[in-house]
């Protein structure tokens, strides 16, 4: 098993979960509460960061960098 592949895959899945949770919180807010939107924003930013990290890992895998 390639450790980089599992790290890339888990980062991608974690990013998807964080993005989905953040967007779901933002969309389902009926009463505007600042704390919920801050949490949603942090989750979305974390999700984007994890997706970028997974993409960079996959790019290094394709190039053969170690």
C-alpha atoms as a PDB file:
ATOM      1  CA  UNK A   1       0.000   0.000   0.000  1.00  0.00           C
ATOM      2  CA  UNK A   2       1.330   3.406  -0.957  1.00  0.00           C
ATOM      3  CA  UNK A   3       1.262   5.779   2.018  1.00  0.00           C
ATOM      4  CA  UNK A   4       1.057   8.871  -0.170  1.00  0.00           C
ATOM      5  CA  UNK A   5      -2.025   7.552  -1.933  1.00  0.00           C
ATOM      6  CA  UNK A   6      -3.827   6.914   1.337  1.00  0.00           C
ATOM      7  CA  UNK A   7      -2.842  10.363   2.632  1.00  0.00           C
ATOM      8  CA  UNK A   8      -4.071  12.011  -0.542  1.00  0.00           C
ATOM      9  CA  UNK A   9      -7.326  10.087  -0.479  1.00  0.00           C
ATOM     10  CA  UNK A  10      -8.024  10.769   3.177  1.00  0.00           C
ATOM     11  CA  UNK A  11      -7.264  14.484   2.752  1.00  0.00           C
ATOM     12  CA  UNK A  12      -9.643  14.612  -0.202  1.00  0.00           C
ATOM     13  CA  UNK A  13     -12.432  12.872   1.731  1.00  0.00           C
ATOM     14  CA  UNK A  14     -11.876  15.067   4.787  1.00  0.00           C
ATOM     15  CA  UNK A  15     -12.031  18.148   2.579  1.00  0.00           C
ATOM     16  CA  UNK A  16     -15.275  17.004   1.019  1.00  0.00           C
ATOM     17  CA  UNK A  17     -16.841  16.367   4.422  1.00  0.00           C
ATOM     18  CA  UNK A  18     -15.748  19.759   5.767  1.00  0.00           C
ATOM     19  CA  UNK A  19     -17.000  21.554   2.651  1.00  0.00           C
ATOM     20  CA  UNK A  20     -20.325  19.744   2.767  1.00  0.00           C
ATOM     21  CA  UNK A  21     -20.851  20.415   6.472  1.00  0.00           C
ATOM     22  CA  UNK A  22     -19.942  24.090   6.131  1.00  0.00           C
ATOM     23  CA  UNK A  23     -22.209  24.648   3.159  1.00  0.00           C
ATOM     24  CA  UNK A  24     -25.042  22.741   4.826  1.00  0.00           C
ATOM     25  CA  UNK A  25     -24.761  24.888   7.957  1.00  0.00           C
ATOM     26  CA  UNK A  26     -24.738  28.054   5.856  1.00  0.00           C
ATOM     27  CA  UNK A  27     -27.746  26.986   3.774  1.00  0.00           C
ATOM     28  CA  UNK A  28     -29.923  25.755   6.630  1.00  0.00           C
ATOM     29  CA  UNK A  29     -29.559  28.783   8.875  1.00  0.00           C
ATOM     30  CA  UNK A  30     -33.060  30.207   9.434  1.00  0.00           C
ATOM     31  CA  UNK A  31     -32.177  32.718  12.139  1.00  0.00           C
ATOM     32  CA  UNK A  32     -29.006  34.619  11.316  1.00  0.00           C
ATOM     33  CA  UNK A  33     -26.562  33.833  14.099  1.00  0.00           C
ATOM     34  CA  UNK A  34     -23.028  35.090  13.748  1.00  0.00           C
ATOM     35  CA  UNK A  35     -21.465  32.081  15.479  1.00  0.00           C
ATOM     36  CA  UNK A  36     -22.992  29.591  13.076  1.00  0.00           C
ATOM     37  CA  UNK A  37     -21.785  31.510  10.050  1.00  0.00           C
ATOM     38  CA  UNK A  38     -18.290  31.749  11.512  1.00  0.00           C
ATOM     39  CA  UNK A  39     -18.285  27.987  12.043  1.00  0.00           C
ATOM     40  CA  UNK A  40     -19.549  27.430   8.499  1.00  0.00           C
ATOM     41  CA  UNK A  41     -16.849  29.729   7.114  1.00  0.00           C
ATOM     42  CA  UNK A  42     -14.114  27.937   9.055  1.00  0.00           C
ATOM     43  CA  UNK A  43     -15.349  24.545   7.840  1.00  0.00           C
ATOM     44  CA  UNK A  44     -15.425  25.698   4.223  1.00  0.00           C
ATOM     45  CA  UNK A  45     -11.928  27.184   4.460  1.00  0.00           C
ATOM     46  CA  UNK A  46     -10.634  23.982   6.075  1.00  0.00           C
ATOM     47  CA  UNK A  47     -12.269  21.915   3.341  1.00  0.00           C
ATOM     48  CA  UNK A  48     -10.723  24.014   0.593  1.00  0.00           C
ATOM     49  CA  UNK A  49      -7.316  23.764   2.248  1.00  0.00           C
ATOM     50  CA  UNK A  50      -7.550  19.990   2.517  1.00  0.00           C
ATOM     51  CA  UNK A  51      -8.609  19.688  -1.129  1.00  0.00           C
ATOM     52  CA  UNK A  52      -5.643  21.848  -2.214  1.00  0.00           C
ATOM     53  CA  UNK A  53      -3.294  19.722  -0.107  1.00  0.00           C
ATOM     54  CA  UNK A  54      -4.669  16.539  -1.694  1.00  0.00           C
ATOM     55  CA  UNK A  55      -4.211  18.013  -5.157  1.00  0.00           C
ATOM     56  CA  UNK A  56      -0.591  18.950  -4.420  1.00  0.00           C
ATOM     57  CA  UNK A  57       0.145  15.475  -3.071  1.00  0.00           C
ATOM     58  CA  UNK A  58      -1.391  13.903  -6.178  1.00  0.00           C
ATOM     59  CA  UNK A  59       0.662  16.234  -8.401  1.00  0.00           C
ATOM     60  CA  UNK A  60       3.890  15.193  -6.673  1.00  0.00           C
ATOM     61  CA  UNK A  61       2.895  11.546  -7.049  1.00  0.00           C
ATOM     62  CA  UNK A  62       2.415  11.946 -10.786  1.00  0.00           C
ATOM     63  CA  UNK A  63       5.756  13.667 -11.229  1.00  0.00           C
ATOM     64  CA  UNK A  64       7.532  11.036  -9.173  1.00  0.00           C
ATOM     65  CA  UNK A  65       8.896  13.461  -6.586  1.00  0.00           C
ATOM     66  CA  UNK A  66       9.749  12.011  -3.228  1.00  0.00           C
END
